[in-house]
Each structure stands twice: as C-alpha cells, then as structure tokens.
Amino acid sequence: MKKIRKGDKVVVLTGKDKGKQGMVLRVLDDNRVLVENVNIIKRHTKPNPNKGVTGGIVDKEASIHISNVALFNPATGKGERVGARIMQDGNKMRFFRKSGEVADVK
C-alpha cells in the first residue's frame, strides 16, 4: 500500500521548498511525486506548430522524492508519518503514526 497517493495534501520536509504545502498531482514509479507549486523549474521549449505549442520559458513542477514529503494532518496542522494497518472488517487503512488516528476518512 502506498503511503502517499494522488490527491493527498502533503508538507515538504526538506530542501529549498521546506514547509510548503500542496496536493500530490502524480506519483511516479521511482518513488517520486509531483506536488503542485513545489520544486518549480524553468524549461526552455521550442515551438511546435503541429501540437500548437508556442516556444518560450515555461515554469513547471519537477518531481521530489517521496521521503521528503509527509502527509498533512488537519487535526495537528503538521505533516506526519503514515503507517498502514488492517482494520477489523479486513480493509487496509492508513493512519498517522503519532496520534494513531485514521488518515483515510472519506
């Protein structure tokens, strides 16, 4: 079970964007995630009239390693580590390691 999923609100723990929060846009195969408005880079793109792309300098999100983000706990207002446990009904749920409360409340 993945501890960080698409659509989760996360907090960046280390790096130039430490403390920033954002939603996970995509989880990549090599333990990396794309977080909105975090780790912004500039890419110089060539124009491609076939695809309708204009050239220029484009700001976009680069991936960040999954170990450098933590799931945001709205109860404490901080990022916390997440574990997984099997509930009594047989479903596997994520929970916050510090408080023990379930993270997958729908």
PDB file of N, CA and C in Angstrom:
ATOM      1  N   MET A   1       0.839  -1.175   0.000  1.00  0.00           N
ATOM      2  CA  MET A   1       0.000   0.000   0.000  1.00  0.00           C
ATOM      3  C   MET A   1       0.888   1.244   0.000  1.00  0.00           C
ATOM      4  N   LYS A   2       0.570   2.161  -0.872  1.00  0.00           N
ATOM      5  CA  LYS A   2       1.319   3.408  -0.952  1.00  0.00           C
ATOM      6  C   LYS A   2       0.929   4.315   0.217  1.00  0.00           C
ATOM      7  N   LYS A   3       1.928   4.930   0.838  1.00  0.00           N
ATOM      8  CA  LYS A   3       1.662   5.820   1.958  1.00  0.00           C
ATOM      9  C   LYS A   3       1.273   7.210   1.487  1.00  0.00           C
ATOM     10  N   ILE A   4       1.738   7.600   0.295  1.00  0.00           N
ATOM     11  CA  ILE A   4       1.365   8.878  -0.315  1.00  0.00           C
ATOM     12  C   ILE A   4       0.673   8.570  -1.634  1.00  0.00           C
ATOM     13  N   ARG A   5      -0.499   9.146  -1.831  1.00  0.00           N
ATOM     14  CA  ARG A   5      -1.293   8.872  -3.034  1.00  0.00           C
ATOM     15  C   ARG A   5      -1.628  10.180  -3.750  1.00  0.00           C
ATOM     16  N   LYS A   6      -2.095  10.037  -4.981  1.00  0.00           N
ATOM     17  CA  LYS A   6      -2.550  11.182  -5.757  1.00  0.00           C
ATOM     18  C   LYS A   6      -3.730  11.833  -5.041  1.00  0.00           C
ATOM     19  N   GLY A   7      -3.699  13.155  -4.951  1.00  0.00           N
ATOM     20  CA  GLY A   7      -4.776  13.887  -4.309  1.00  0.00           C
ATOM     21  C   GLY A   7      -4.556  14.162  -2.826  1.00  0.00           C
ATOM     22  N   ASP A   8      -3.500  13.596  -2.230  1.00  0.00           N
ATOM     23  CA  ASP A   8      -3.199  13.847  -0.819  1.00  0.00           C
ATOM     24  C   ASP A   8      -2.619  15.240  -0.650  1.00  0.00           C
ATOM     25  N   LYS A   9      -2.913  15.862   0.477  1.00  0.00           N
ATOM     26  CA  LYS A   9      -2.269  17.126   0.823  1.00  0.00           C
ATOM     27  C   LYS A   9      -1.024  16.770   1.626  1.00  0.00           C
ATOM     28  N   VAL A  10       0.127  17.263   1.172  1.00  0.00           N
ATOM     29  CA  VAL A  10       1.394  16.917   1.806  1.00  0.00           C
ATOM     30  C   VAL A  10       2.168  18.182   2.186  1.00  0.00           C
ATOM     31  N   VAL A  11       3.151  17.996   3.076  1.00  0.00           N
ATOM     32  CA  VAL A  11       4.050  19.052   3.510  1.00  0.00           C
ATOM     33  C   VAL A  11       5.459  18.627   3.125  1.00  0.00           C
ATOM     34  N   VAL A  12       6.244  19.546   2.559  1.00  0.00           N
ATOM     35  CA  VAL A  12       7.622  19.258   2.183  1.00  0.00           C
ATOM     36  C   VAL A  12       8.496  19.361   3.434  1.00  0.00           C
ATOM     37  N   LEU A  13       9.311  18.332   3.686  1.00  0.00           N
ATOM     38  CA  LEU A  13      10.122  18.260   4.892  1.00  0.00           C
ATOM     39  C   LEU A  13      11.519  18.837   4.724  1.00  0.00           C
ATOM     40  N   THR A  14      12.116  18.697   3.538  1.00  0.00           N
ATOM     41  CA  THR A  14      13.490  19.151   3.334  1.00  0.00           C
ATOM     42  C   THR A  14      13.623  19.834   1.978  1.00  0.00           C
ATOM     43  N   GLY A  15      14.730  20.548   1.810  1.00  0.00           N
ATOM     44  CA  GLY A  15      15.024  21.167   0.527  1.00  0.00           C
ATOM     45  C   GLY A  15      14.663  22.639   0.487  1.00  0.00           C
ATOM     46  N   LYS A  16      14.752  23.213  -0.708  1.00  0.00           N
ATOM     47  CA  LYS A  16      14.512  24.647  -0.860  1.00  0.00           C
ATOM     48  C   LYS A  16      13.053  25.033  -0.613  1.00  0.00           C
ATOM     49  N   ASP A  17      12.142  24.089  -0.724  1.00  0.00           N
ATOM     50  CA  ASP A  17      10.722  24.365  -0.523  1.00  0.00           C
ATOM     51  C   ASP A  17      10.216  23.833   0.808  1.00  0.00           C
ATOM     52  N   LYS A  18      11.096  23.692   1.795  1.00  0.00           N
ATOM     53  CA  LYS A  18      10.736  23.151   3.101  1.00  0.00           C
ATOM     54  C   LYS A  18       9.598  23.960   3.720  1.00  0.00           C
ATOM     55  N   GLY A  19       8.573  23.247   4.211  1.00  0.00           N
ATOM     56  CA  GLY A  19       7.435  23.895   4.854  1.00  0.00           C
ATOM     57  C   GLY A  19       6.274  24.169   3.930  1.00  0.00           C
ATOM     58  N   LYS A  20       6.488  24.113   2.619  1.00  0.00           N
ATOM     59  CA  LYS A  20       5.394  24.365   1.678  1.00  0.00           C
ATOM     60  C   LYS A  20       4.413  23.197   1.672  1.00  0.00           C
ATOM     61  N   GLN A  21       3.154  23.522   1.410  1.00  0.00           N
ATOM     62  CA  GLN A  21       2.112  22.506   1.316  1.00  0.00           C
ATOM     63  C   GLN A  21       1.547  22.492  -0.090  1.00  0.00           C
ATOM     64  N   GLY A  22       1.049  21.336  -0.496  1.00  0.00           N
ATOM     65  CA  GLY A  22       0.424  21.222  -1.805  1.00  0.00           C
ATOM     66  C   GLY A  22      -0.207  19.867  -1.993  1.00  0.00           C
ATOM     67  N   MET A  23      -0.981  19.752  -3.058  1.00  0.00           N
ATOM     68  CA  MET A  23      -1.627  18.486  -3.386  1.00  0.00           C
ATOM     69  C   MET A  23      -0.721  17.678  -4.301  1.00  0.00           C
ATOM     70  N   VAL A  24      -0.748  16.368  -4.125  1.00  0.00           N
ATOM     71  CA  VAL A  24       0.032  15.473  -4.970  1.00  0.00           C
ATOM     72  C   VAL A  24      -0.680  15.360  -6.310  1.00  0.00           C
ATOM     73  N   LEU A  25       0.000  15.757  -7.378  1.00  0.00           N
ATOM     74  CA  LEU A  25      -0.573  15.687  -8.722  1.00  0.00           C
ATOM     75  C   LEU A  25      -0.393  14.312  -9.339  1.00  0.00           C
ATOM     76  N   ARG A  26       0.749  13.679  -9.031  1.00  0.00           N
ATOM     77  CA  ARG A  26       1.080  12.409  -9.672  1.00  0.00           C
ATOM     78  C   ARG A  26       2.120  11.679  -8.827  1.00  0.00           C
ATOM     79  N   VAL A  27       2.005  10.360  -8.740  1.00  0.00           N
ATOM     80  CA  VAL A  27       3.011   9.531  -8.084  1.00  0.00           C
ATOM     81  C   VAL A  27       3.727   8.761  -9.185  1.00  0.00           C
ATOM     82  N   LEU A  28       5.047   8.956  -9.282  1.00  0.00           N
ATOM     83  CA  LEU A  28       5.841   8.304 -10.314  1.00  0.00           C
ATOM     84  C   LEU A  28       6.354   6.958  -9.804  1.00  0.00           C
ATOM     85  N   ASP A  29       6.781   6.097 -10.729  1.00  0.00           N
ATOM     86  CA  ASP A  29       7.182   4.735 -10.388  1.00  0.00           C
ATOM     87  C   ASP A  29       8.437   4.670  -9.521  1.00  0.00           C
ATOM     88  N   ASP A  30       9.348   5.610  -9.669  1.00  0.00           N
ATOM     89  CA  ASP A  30      10.629   5.524  -8.979  1.00  0.00           C
ATOM     90  C   ASP A  30      10.630   6.283  -7.649  1.00  0.00           C
ATOM     91  N   ASN A  31       9.544   6.143  -6.865  1.00  0.00           N
ATOM     92  CA  ASN A  31       9.415   6.749  -5.530  1.00  0.00           C
ATOM     93  C   ASN A  31       9.542   8.267  -5.553  1.00  0.00           C
ATOM     94  N   ARG A  32       8.956   8.884  -6.560  1.00  0.00           N
ATOM     95  CA  ARG A  32       8.961  10.328  -6.655  1.00  0.00           C
ATOM     96  C   ARG A  32       7.534  10.818  -6.853  1.00  0.00           C
ATOM     97  N   VAL A  33       7.268  12.039  -6.419  1.00  0.00           N
ATOM     98  CA  VAL A  33       5.935  12.616  -6.546  1.00  0.00           C
ATOM     99  C   VAL A  33       6.029  14.011  -7.149  1.00  0.00           C
ATOM    100  N   LEU A  34       4.959  14.416  -7.824  1.00  0.00           N
ATOM    101  CA  LEU A  34       4.805  15.785  -8.308  1.00  0.00           C
ATOM    102  C   LEU A  34       3.815  16.475  -7.378  1.00  0.00           C
ATOM    103  N   VAL A  35       4.251  17.573  -6.777  1.00  0.00           N
ATOM    104  CA  VAL A  35       3.404  18.329  -5.851  1.00  0.00           C
ATOM    105  C   VAL A  35       3.163  19.697  -6.462  1.00  0.00           C
ATOM    106  N   GLU A  36       1.911  20.152  -6.442  1.00  0.00           N
ATOM    107  CA  GLU A  36       1.602  21.426  -7.091  1.00  0.00           C
ATOM    108  C   GLU A  36       2.284  22.588  -6.367  1.00  0.00           C
ATOM    109  N   ASN A  37       2.865  23.482  -7.170  1.00  0.00           N
ATOM    110  CA  ASN A  37       3.549  24.690  -6.713  1.00  0.00           C
ATOM    111  C   ASN A  37       4.750  24.404  -5.809  1.00  0.00           C
ATOM    112  N   VAL A  38       5.367  23.238  -5.960  1.00  0.00           N
ATOM    113  CA  VAL A  38       6.569  22.892  -5.205  1.00  0.00           C
ATOM    114  C   VAL A  38       7.628  22.431  -6.198  1.00  0.00           C
ATOM    115  N   ASN A  39       8.890  22.829  -5.967  1.00  0.00           N
ATOM    116  CA  ASN A  39      10.019  22.470  -6.812  1.00  0.00           C
ATOM    117  C   ASN A  39       9.797  22.935  -8.259  1.00  0.00           C
ATOM    118  N   ILE A  40       9.494  24.219  -8.405  1.00  0.00           N
ATOM    119  CA  ILE A  40       9.230  24.819  -9.712  1.00  0.00           C
ATOM    120  C   ILE A  40      10.559  25.019 -10.447  1.00  0.00           C
ATOM    121  N   ILE A  41      10.592  24.569 -11.700  1.00  0.00           N
ATOM    122  CA  ILE A  41      11.773  24.733 -12.543  1.00  0.00           C
ATOM    123  C   ILE A  41      11.362  25.455 -13.821  1.00  0.00           C
ATOM    124  N   LYS A  42      12.349  25.954 -14.549  1.00  0.00           N
ATOM    125  CA  LYS A  42      12.093  26.623 -15.823  1.00  0.00           C
ATOM    126  C   LYS A  42      12.598  25.730 -16.945  1.00  0.00           C
ATOM    127  N   ARG A  43      11.776  25.528 -17.948  1.00  0.00           N
ATOM    128  CA  ARG A  43      12.141  24.727 -19.112  1.00  0.00           C
ATOM    129  C   ARG A  43      12.057  25.608 -20.348  1.00  0.00           C
ATOM    130  N   HIS A  44      13.093  25.579 -21.161  1.00  0.00           N
ATOM    131  CA  HIS A  44      13.106  26.307 -22.428  1.00  0.00           C
ATOM    132  C   HIS A  44      12.565  25.368 -23.497  1.00  0.00           C
ATOM    133  N   THR A  45      11.428  25.709 -24.065  1.00  0.00           N
ATOM    134  CA  THR A  45      10.773  24.826 -25.030  1.00  0.00           C
ATOM    135  C   THR A  45      10.804  25.449 -26.418  1.00  0.00           C
ATOM    136  N   LYS A  46      10.971  24.578 -27.402  1.00  0.00           N
ATOM    137  CA  LYS A  46      10.905  25.009 -28.793  1.00  0.00           C
ATOM    138  C   LYS A  46       9.445  25.057 -29.217  1.00  0.00           C
ATOM    139  N   PRO A  47       9.115  25.951 -30.145  1.00  0.00           N
ATOM    140  CA  PRO A  47       7.738  25.956 -30.647  1.00  0.00           C
ATOM    141  C   PRO A  47       7.470  24.721 -31.508  1.00  0.00           C
ATOM    142  N   ASN A  48       6.284  24.192 -31.380  1.00  0.00           N
ATOM    143  CA  ASN A  48       5.861  23.041 -32.175  1.00  0.00           C
ATOM    144  C   ASN A  48       4.481  23.353 -32.748  1.00  0.00           C
ATOM    145  N   PRO A  49       4.426  23.824 -33.987  1.00  0.00           N
ATOM    146  CA  PRO A  49       3.123  24.206 -34.556  1.00  0.00           C
ATOM    147  C   PRO A  49       2.188  23.017 -34.753  1.00  0.00           C
ATOM    148  N   ASN A  50       2.727  21.805 -34.899  1.00  0.00           N
ATOM    149  CA  ASN A  50       1.859  20.636 -35.067  1.00  0.00           C
ATOM    150  C   ASN A  50       1.044  20.354 -33.809  1.00  0.00           C
ATOM    151  N   LYS A  51       1.628  20.589 -32.643  1.00  0.00           N
ATOM    152  CA  LYS A  51       0.929  20.368 -31.375  1.00  0.00           C
ATOM    153  C   LYS A  51       0.310  21.645 -30.830  1.00  0.00           C
ATOM    154  N   GLY A  52       0.568  22.749 -31.492  1.00  0.00           N
ATOM    155  CA  GLY A  52       0.028  24.022 -31.034  1.00  0.00           C
ATOM    156  C   GLY A  52       0.772  24.587 -29.830  1.00  0.00           C
ATOM    157  N   VAL A  53       2.045  24.221 -29.667  1.00  0.00           N
ATOM    158  CA  VAL A  53       2.848  24.683 -28.538  1.00  0.00           C
ATOM    159  C   VAL A  53       3.674  25.879 -28.976  1.00  0.00           C
ATOM    160  N   THR A  54       3.543  26.959 -28.231  1.00  0.00           N
ATOM    161  CA  THR A  54       4.377  28.112 -28.504  1.00  0.00           C
ATOM    162  C   THR A  54       5.673  27.968 -27.717  1.00  0.00           C
ATOM    163  N   GLY A  55       6.750  28.475 -28.260  1.00  0.00           N
ATOM    164  CA  GLY A  55       8.041  28.372 -27.602  1.00  0.00           C
ATOM    165  C   GLY A  55       8.194  29.403 -26.505  1.00  0.00           C
ATOM    166  N   GLY A  56       9.195  29.205 -25.695  1.00  0.00           N
ATOM    167  CA  GLY A  56       9.473  30.166 -24.634  1.00  0.00           C
ATOM    168  C   GLY A  56       9.918  29.458 -23.366  1.00  0.00           C
ATOM    169  N   ILE A  57       9.970  30.217 -22.291  1.00  0.00           N
ATOM    170  CA  ILE A  57      10.371  29.676 -20.996  1.00  0.00           C
ATOM    171  C   ILE A  57       9.109  29.325 -20.217  1.00  0.00           C
ATOM    172  N   VAL A  58       9.005  28.062 -19.831  1.00  0.00           N
ATOM    173  CA  VAL A  58       7.816  27.554 -19.153  1.00  0.00           C
ATOM    174  C   VAL A  58       8.176  27.149 -17.730  1.00  0.00           C
ATOM    175  N   ASP A  59       7.386  27.597 -16.749  1.00  0.00           N
ATOM    176  CA  ASP A  59       7.545  27.146 -15.368  1.00  0.00           C
ATOM    177  C   ASP A  59       6.721  25.879 -15.184  1.00  0.00           C
ATOM    178  N   LYS A  60       7.335  24.852 -14.573  1.00  0.00           N
ATOM    179  CA  LYS A  60       6.605  23.615 -14.317  1.00  0.00           C
ATOM    180  C   LYS A  60       7.155  22.951 -13.068  1.00  0.00           C
ATOM    181  N   GLU A  61       6.351  22.023 -12.522  1.00  0.00           N
ATOM    182  CA  GLU A  61       6.760  21.307 -11.325  1.00  0.00           C
ATOM    183  C   GLU A  61       7.696  20.162 -11.688  1.00  0.00           C
ATOM    184  N   ALA A  62       8.770  20.012 -10.922  1.00  0.00           N
ATOM    185  CA  ALA A  62       9.653  18.864 -11.055  1.00  0.00           C
ATOM    186  C   ALA A  62       9.334  17.906  -9.920  1.00  0.00           C
ATOM    187  N   SER A  63       9.751  16.657 -10.088  1.00  0.00           N
ATOM    188  CA  SER A  63       9.434  15.661  -9.074  1.00  0.00           C
ATOM    189  C   SER A  63      10.311  15.853  -7.845  1.00  0.00           C
ATOM    190  N   ILE A  64       9.813  15.361  -6.720  1.00  0.00           N
ATOM    191  CA  ILE A  64      10.525  15.399  -5.453  1.00  0.00           C
ATOM    192  C   ILE A  64      10.435  13.996  -4.862  1.00  0.00           C
ATOM    193  N   HIS A  65      11.476  13.563  -4.161  1.00  0.00           N
ATOM    194  CA  HIS A  65      11.482  12.204  -3.626  1.00  0.00           C
ATOM    195  C   HIS A  65      10.403  12.056  -2.556  1.00  0.00           C
ATOM    196  N   ILE A  66       9.781  10.900  -2.537  1.00  0.00           N
ATOM    197  CA  ILE A  66       8.638  10.652  -1.655  1.00  0.00           C
ATOM    198  C   ILE A  66       9.031  10.704  -0.183  1.00  0.00           C
ATOM    199  N   SER A  67      10.324  10.477   0.117  1.00  0.00           N
ATOM    200  CA  SER A  67      10.772  10.535   1.509  1.00  0.00           C
ATOM    201  C   SER A  67      10.877  11.966   2.015  1.00  0.00           C
ATOM    202  N   ASN A  68      10.824  12.938   1.121  1.00  0.00           N
ATOM    203  CA  ASN A  68      10.931  14.343   1.507  1.00  0.00           C
ATOM    204  C   ASN A  68       9.580  15.011   1.708  1.00  0.00           C
ATOM    205  N   VAL A  69       8.496  14.247   1.676  1.00  0.00           N
ATOM    206  CA  VAL A  69       7.172  14.784   1.936  1.00  0.00           C
ATOM    207  C   VAL A  69       6.493  13.940   3.006  1.00  0.00           C
ATOM    208  N   ALA A  70       5.571  14.576   3.733  1.00  0.00           N
ATOM    209  CA  ALA A  70       4.785  13.884   4.751  1.00  0.00           C
ATOM    210  C   ALA A  70       3.327  14.274   4.573  1.00  0.00           C
ATOM    211  N   LEU A  71       2.441  13.343   4.866  1.00  0.00           N
ATOM    212  CA  LEU A  71       1.007  13.583   4.755  1.00  0.00           C
ATOM    213  C   LEU A  71       0.580  14.636   5.775  1.00  0.00           C
ATOM    214  N   PHE A  72      -0.245  15.585   5.352  1.00  0.00           N
ATOM    215  CA  PHE A  72      -0.705  16.676   6.214  1.00  0.00           C
ATOM    216  C   PHE A  72      -1.821  16.177   7.114  1.00  0.00           C
ATOM    217  N   ASN A  73      -1.661  16.398   8.424  1.00  0.00           N
ATOM    218  CA  ASN A  73      -2.692  16.028   9.394  1.00  0.00           C
ATOM    219  C   ASN A  73      -3.474  17.287   9.752  1.00  0.00           C
ATOM    220  N   PRO A  74      -4.754  17.384   9.347  1.00  0.00           N
ATOM    221  CA  PRO A  74      -5.518  18.605   9.622  1.00  0.00           C
ATOM    222  C   PRO A  74      -5.787  18.820  11.112  1.00  0.00           C
ATOM    223  N   ALA A  75      -5.769  17.758  11.915  1.00  0.00           N
ATOM    224  CA  ALA A  75      -6.022  17.900  13.347  1.00  0.00           C
ATOM    225  C   ALA A  75      -4.884  18.634  14.052  1.00  0.00           C
ATOM    226  N   THR A  76      -3.644  18.344  13.662  1.00  0.00           N
ATOM    227  CA  THR A  76      -2.493  18.976  14.296  1.00  0.00           C
ATOM    228  C   THR A  76      -1.946  20.137  13.480  1.00  0.00           C
ATOM    229  N   GLY A  77      -2.276  20.194  12.199  1.00  0.00           N
ATOM    230  CA  GLY A  77      -1.772  21.248  11.321  1.00  0.00           C
ATOM    231  C   GLY A  77      -0.337  21.038  10.893  1.00  0.00           C
ATOM    232  N   LYS A  78       0.172  19.801  11.004  1.00  0.00           N
ATOM    233  CA  LYS A  78       1.552  19.484  10.647  1.00  0.00           C
ATOM    234  C   LYS A  78       1.577  18.276   9.719  1.00  0.00           C
ATOM    235  N   GLY A  79       2.746  18.052   9.127  1.00  0.00           N
ATOM    236  CA  GLY A  79       2.961  16.841   8.357  1.00  0.00           C
ATOM    237  C   GLY A  79       3.392  15.726   9.290  1.00  0.00           C
ATOM    238  N   GLU A  80       2.830  14.525   9.104  1.00  0.00           N
ATOM    239  CA  GLU A  80       3.153  13.406   9.984  1.00  0.00           C
ATOM    240  C   GLU A  80       3.412  12.151   9.183  1.00  0.00           C
ATOM    241  N   ARG A  81       4.178  11.244   9.796  1.00  0.00           N
ATOM    242  CA  ARG A  81       4.446   9.961   9.175  1.00  0.00           C
ATOM    243  C   ARG A  81       3.168   9.129   9.157  1.00  0.00           C
ATOM    244  N   VAL A  82       3.108   8.230   8.172  1.00  0.00           N
ATOM    245  CA  VAL A  82       1.912   7.433   7.965  1.00  0.00           C
ATOM    246  C   VAL A  82       2.283   5.951   7.983  1.00  0.00           C
ATOM    247  N   GLY A  83       1.429   5.144   8.582  1.00  0.00           N
ATOM    248  CA  GLY A  83       1.592   3.697   8.568  1.00  0.00           C
ATOM    249  C   GLY A  83       0.330   3.070   8.000  1.00  0.00           C
ATOM    250  N   ALA A  84       0.330   1.757   7.896  1.00  0.00           N
ATOM    251  CA  ALA A  84      -0.840   1.048   7.383  1.00  0.00           C
ATOM    252  C   ALA A  84      -1.197  -0.058   8.361  1.00  0.00           C
ATOM    253  N   ARG A  85      -2.485  -0.251   8.576  1.00  0.00           N
ATOM    254  CA  ARG A  85      -2.937  -1.340   9.424  1.00  0.00           C
ATOM    255  C   ARG A  85      -4.208  -1.936   8.838  1.00  0.00           C
ATOM    256  N   ILE A  86      -4.430  -3.191   9.152  1.00  0.00           N
ATOM    257  CA  ILE A  86      -5.625  -3.887   8.684  1.00  0.00           C
ATOM    258  C   ILE A  86      -6.716  -3.713   9.736  1.00  0.00           C
ATOM    259  N   MET A  87      -7.849  -3.194   9.322  1.00  0.00           N
ATOM    260  CA  MET A  87      -8.962  -2.955  10.230  1.00  0.00           C
ATOM    261  C   MET A  87      -9.709  -4.266  10.487  1.00  0.00           C
ATOM    262  N   GLN A  88     -10.668  -4.232  11.407  1.00  0.00           N
ATOM    263  CA  GLN A  88     -11.410  -5.438  11.766  1.00  0.00           C
ATOM    264  C   GLN A  88     -12.254  -5.981  10.623  1.00  0.00           C
ATOM    265  N   ASP A  89     -12.703  -5.090   9.739  1.00  0.00           N
ATOM    266  CA  ASP A  89     -13.516  -5.541   8.601  1.00  0.00           C
ATOM    267  C   ASP A  89     -12.659  -6.064   7.444  1.00  0.00           C
ATOM    268  N   GLY A  90     -11.324  -6.061   7.593  1.00  0.00           N
ATOM    269  CA  GLY A  90     -10.437  -6.611   6.575  1.00  0.00           C
ATOM    270  C   GLY A  90      -9.856  -5.589   5.621  1.00  0.00           C
ATOM    271  N   ASN A  91     -10.295  -4.334   5.688  1.00  0.00           N
ATOM    272  CA  ASN A  91      -9.754  -3.287   4.818  1.00  0.00           C
ATOM    273  C   ASN A  91      -8.445  -2.769   5.382  1.00  0.00           C
ATOM    274  N   LYS A  92      -7.539  -2.394   4.496  1.00  0.00           N
ATOM    275  CA  LYS A  92      -6.270  -1.814   4.907  1.00  0.00           C
ATOM    276  C   LYS A  92      -6.424  -0.302   4.881  1.00  0.00           C
ATOM    277  N   MET A  93      -6.094   0.348   5.981  1.00  0.00           N
ATOM    278  CA  MET A  93      -6.259   1.790   6.107  1.00  0.00           C
ATOM    279  C   MET A  93      -4.936   2.431   6.517  1.00  0.00           C
ATOM    280  N   ARG A  94      -4.754   3.691   6.101  1.00  0.00           N
ATOM    281  CA  ARG A  94      -3.582   4.452   6.528  1.00  0.00           C
ATOM    282  C   ARG A  94      -3.919   5.159   7.837  1.00  0.00           C
ATOM    283  N   PHE A  95      -2.915   5.290   8.716  1.00  0.00           N
ATOM    284  CA  PHE A  95      -3.117   6.005   9.964  1.00  0.00           C
ATOM    285  C   PHE A  95      -1.885   6.837  10.277  1.00  0.00           C
ATOM    286  N   PHE A  96      -2.083   7.883  11.068  1.00  0.00           N
ATOM    287  CA  PHE A  96      -0.975   8.730  11.477  1.00  0.00           C
ATOM    288  C   PHE A  96      -0.254   8.052  12.626  1.00  0.00           C
ATOM    289  N   ARG A  97       1.073   7.927  12.498  1.00  0.00           N
ATOM    290  CA  ARG A  97       1.870   7.181  13.469  1.00  0.00           C
ATOM    291  C   ARG A  97       1.860   7.846  14.844  1.00  0.00           C
ATOM    292  N   LYS A  98       1.848   9.153  14.896  1.00  0.00           N
ATOM    293  CA  LYS A  98       1.958   9.859  16.170  1.00  0.00           C
ATOM    294  C   LYS A  98       0.662   9.779  16.982  1.00  0.00           C
ATOM    295  N   SER A  99      -0.459  10.066  16.342  1.00  0.00           N
ATOM    296  CA  SER A  99      -1.727  10.111  17.067  1.00  0.00           C
ATOM    297  C   SER A  99      -2.502   8.801  16.989  1.00  0.00           C
ATOM    298  N   GLY A 100      -2.247   8.011  15.945  1.00  0.00           N
ATOM    299  CA  GLY A 100      -2.959   6.754  15.783  1.00  0.00           C
ATOM    300  C   GLY A 100      -4.302   6.884  15.097  1.00  0.00           C
ATOM    301  N   GLU A 101      -4.699   8.099  14.728  1.00  0.00           N
ATOM    302  CA  GLU A 101      -5.998   8.264  14.078  1.00  0.00           C
ATOM    303  C   GLU A 101      -5.915   7.915  12.603  1.00  0.00           C
ATOM    304  N   VAL A 102      -7.037   7.513  12.040  1.00  0.00           N
ATOM    305  CA  VAL A 102      -7.114   7.045  10.663  1.00  0.00           C
ATOM    306  C   VAL A 102      -6.979   8.241   9.725  1.00  0.00           C
ATOM    307  N   ALA A 103      -6.167   8.082   8.678  1.00  0.00           N
ATOM    308  CA  ALA A 103      -5.924   9.160   7.721  1.00  0.00           C
ATOM    309  C   ALA A 103      -6.883   9.100   6.536  1.00  0.00           C
ATOM    310  N   ASP A 104      -7.516   7.964   6.304  1.00  0.00           N
ATOM    311  CA  ASP A 104      -8.379   7.783   5.131  1.00  0.00           C
ATOM    312  C   ASP A 104      -9.852   7.971   5.464  1.00  0.00           C
ATOM    313  N   VAL A 105     -10.199   9.095   6.062  1.00  0.00           N
ATOM    314  CA  VAL A 105     -11.593   9.371   6.384  1.00  0.00           C
ATOM    315  C   VAL A 105     -12.245   9.983   5.169  1.00  0.00           C
ATOM    316  N   LYS A 106     -13.317   9.394   4.694  1.00  0.00           N
ATOM    317  CA  LYS A 106     -13.993   9.877   3.487  1.00  0.00           C
ATOM    318  C   LYS A 106     -15.260  10.595   3.856  1.00  0.00           C
TER     319      LYS A 106
END
